[in-house]
Amino acid sequence: MMRLSFCLDEEPAGDSRTYWDKQAALIKTALAEDFAVARGVQENFASGANRHLTFGRYEKGLAHFHRAIAEALAESA
């Protein structure tokens, strides 16, 4: 389940409503595609073919996320 919210100054109407409906549809489509790709990546990790991941320059958020997980796991061990 996914909930998408926009914070706007006023309730959109007319052309503005059409614009925001299109933006919401675009975001939902992109996220659905991303979720499908991520599911495939996770399933393929189970093969054990890769022992490490290399993140690109623009994936800093993912690098921080995985570092935080590794630190939390190390602290709990």
C-alpha atoms as a PDB file:
ATOM      1  CA  MET A   1       0.000   0.000   0.000  1.00  0.00           C
ATOM      2  CA  MET A   2       1.245   3.453  -0.837  1.00  0.00           C
ATOM      3  CA  ARG A   3      -0.170   6.836   0.064  1.00  0.00           C
ATOM      4  CA  LEU A   4       0.804   9.888  -1.956  1.00  0.00           C
ATOM      5  CA  SER A   5       0.234  13.379  -0.554  1.00  0.00           C
ATOM      6  CA  PHE A   6       0.878  16.853  -1.904  1.00  0.00           C
ATOM      7  CA  CYS A   7       1.037  19.942   0.298  1.00  0.00           C
ATOM      8  CA  LEU A   8      -0.589  22.766  -1.656  1.00  0.00           C
ATOM      9  CA  ASP A   9      -1.675  26.252  -0.651  1.00  0.00           C
ATOM     10  CA  GLU A  10      -5.200  25.643  -1.905  1.00  0.00           C
ATOM     11  CA  GLU A  11      -7.380  22.844  -3.264  1.00  0.00           C
ATOM     12  CA  PRO A  12      -6.589  22.480  -6.978  1.00  0.00           C
ATOM     13  CA  ALA A  13      -9.407  23.033  -9.457  1.00  0.00           C
ATOM     14  CA  GLY A  14      -9.796  22.988 -13.228  1.00  0.00           C
ATOM     15  CA  ASP A  15      -6.469  22.936 -15.091  1.00  0.00           C
ATOM     16  CA  SER A  16      -4.602  22.933 -11.793  1.00  0.00           C
ATOM     17  CA  ARG A  17      -6.433  19.779 -10.705  1.00  0.00           C
ATOM     18  CA  THR A  18      -5.622  18.104 -14.035  1.00  0.00           C
ATOM     19  CA  TYR A  19      -1.961  19.055 -13.623  1.00  0.00           C
ATOM     20  CA  TRP A  20      -1.717  17.553 -10.120  1.00  0.00           C
ATOM     21  CA  ASP A  21      -3.607  14.419 -11.143  1.00  0.00           C
ATOM     22  CA  LYS A  22      -1.057  13.906 -13.939  1.00  0.00           C
ATOM     23  CA  GLN A  23       1.833  14.452 -11.507  1.00  0.00           C
ATOM     24  CA  ALA A  24       0.391  11.890  -9.094  1.00  0.00           C
ATOM     25  CA  ALA A  25      -0.069   9.349 -11.906  1.00  0.00           C
ATOM     26  CA  LEU A  26       3.517   9.893 -13.079  1.00  0.00           C
ATOM     27  CA  ILE A  27       4.923   9.421  -9.574  1.00  0.00           C
ATOM     28  CA  LYS A  28       2.833   6.285  -8.985  1.00  0.00           C
ATOM     29  CA  THR A  29       4.026   4.804 -12.290  1.00  0.00           C
ATOM     30  CA  ALA A  30       7.676   5.558 -11.513  1.00  0.00           C
ATOM     31  CA  LEU A  31       7.399   4.071  -8.027  1.00  0.00           C
ATOM     32  CA  ALA A  32       5.668   0.939  -9.306  1.00  0.00           C
ATOM     33  CA  GLU A  33       8.514   0.454 -11.807  1.00  0.00           C
ATOM     34  CA  ASP A  34      11.131   1.066  -9.096  1.00  0.00           C
ATOM     35  CA  PHE A  35       9.461  -1.432  -6.747  1.00  0.00           C
ATOM     36  CA  ALA A  36       9.434  -4.086  -9.481  1.00  0.00           C
ATOM     37  CA  VAL A  37      13.138  -3.561 -10.207  1.00  0.00           C
ATOM     38  CA  ALA A  38      14.004  -3.568  -6.495  1.00  0.00           C
ATOM     39  CA  ARG A  39      12.102  -6.823  -5.988  1.00  0.00           C
ATOM     40  CA  GLY A  40      14.127  -8.438  -8.785  1.00  0.00           C
ATOM     41  CA  VAL A  41      17.386  -7.161  -7.308  1.00  0.00           C
ATOM     42  CA  GLN A  42      16.509  -8.551  -3.889  1.00  0.00           C
ATOM     43  CA  GLU A  43      15.520 -11.910  -5.355  1.00  0.00           C
ATOM     44  CA  ASN A  44      18.806 -12.116  -7.262  1.00  0.00           C
ATOM     45  CA  PHE A  45      20.856 -11.385  -4.131  1.00  0.00           C
ATOM     46  CA  ALA A  46      19.695 -14.745  -2.811  1.00  0.00           C
ATOM     47  CA  SER A  47      21.803 -16.458  -5.493  1.00  0.00           C
ATOM     48  CA  GLY A  48      24.967 -15.468  -3.630  1.00  0.00           C
ATOM     49  CA  ALA A  49      26.653 -14.385  -6.881  1.00  0.00           C
ATOM     50  CA  ASN A  50      27.552 -10.965  -5.447  1.00  0.00           C
ATOM     51  CA  ARG A  51      29.443 -10.520  -2.188  1.00  0.00           C
ATOM     52  CA  HIS A  52      29.361  -6.708  -2.222  1.00  0.00           C
ATOM     53  CA  LEU A  53      27.612  -3.735  -3.834  1.00  0.00           C
ATOM     54  CA  THR A  54      29.155  -0.683  -5.440  1.00  0.00           C
ATOM     55  CA  PHE A  55      26.977   2.426  -5.416  1.00  0.00           C
ATOM     56  CA  GLY A  56      27.343   5.167  -8.000  1.00  0.00           C
ATOM     57  CA  ARG A  57      28.125   8.802  -7.316  1.00  0.00           C
ATOM     58  CA  TYR A  58      24.442   9.746  -7.217  1.00  0.00           C
ATOM     59  CA  GLU A  59      23.401   6.960  -4.840  1.00  0.00           C
ATOM     60  CA  LYS A  60      24.623   8.592  -1.618  1.00  0.00           C
ATOM     61  CA  GLY A  61      21.335   7.955   0.144  1.00  0.00           C
ATOM     62  CA  LEU A  62      21.618   4.221  -0.506  1.00  0.00           C
ATOM     63  CA  ALA A  63      25.208   4.167   0.725  1.00  0.00           C
ATOM     64  CA  HIS A  64      24.205   5.921   3.972  1.00  0.00           C
ATOM     65  CA  PHE A  65      21.253   3.561   4.409  1.00  0.00           C
ATOM     66  CA  HIS A  66      23.376   0.433   4.040  1.00  0.00           C
ATOM     67  CA  ARG A  67      26.081   1.858   6.309  1.00  0.00           C
ATOM     68  CA  ALA A  68      23.458   2.524   8.999  1.00  0.00           C
ATOM     69  CA  ILE A  69      22.164  -1.049   8.700  1.00  0.00           C
ATOM     70  CA  ALA A  70      25.687  -2.469   8.973  1.00  0.00           C
ATOM     71  CA  GLU A  71      26.396  -0.332  12.056  1.00  0.00           C
ATOM     72  CA  ALA A  72      23.125  -1.350  13.717  1.00  0.00           C
ATOM     73  CA  LEU A  73      23.820  -5.024  13.053  1.00  0.00           C
ATOM     74  CA  ALA A  74      27.365  -4.698  14.402  1.00  0.00           C
ATOM     75  CA  GLU A  75      26.079  -3.045  17.596  1.00  0.00           C
ATOM     76  CA  SER A  76      23.524  -5.794  18.186  1.00  0.00           C
ATOM     77  CA  ALA A  77      26.033  -8.636  17.683  1.00  0.00           C
END
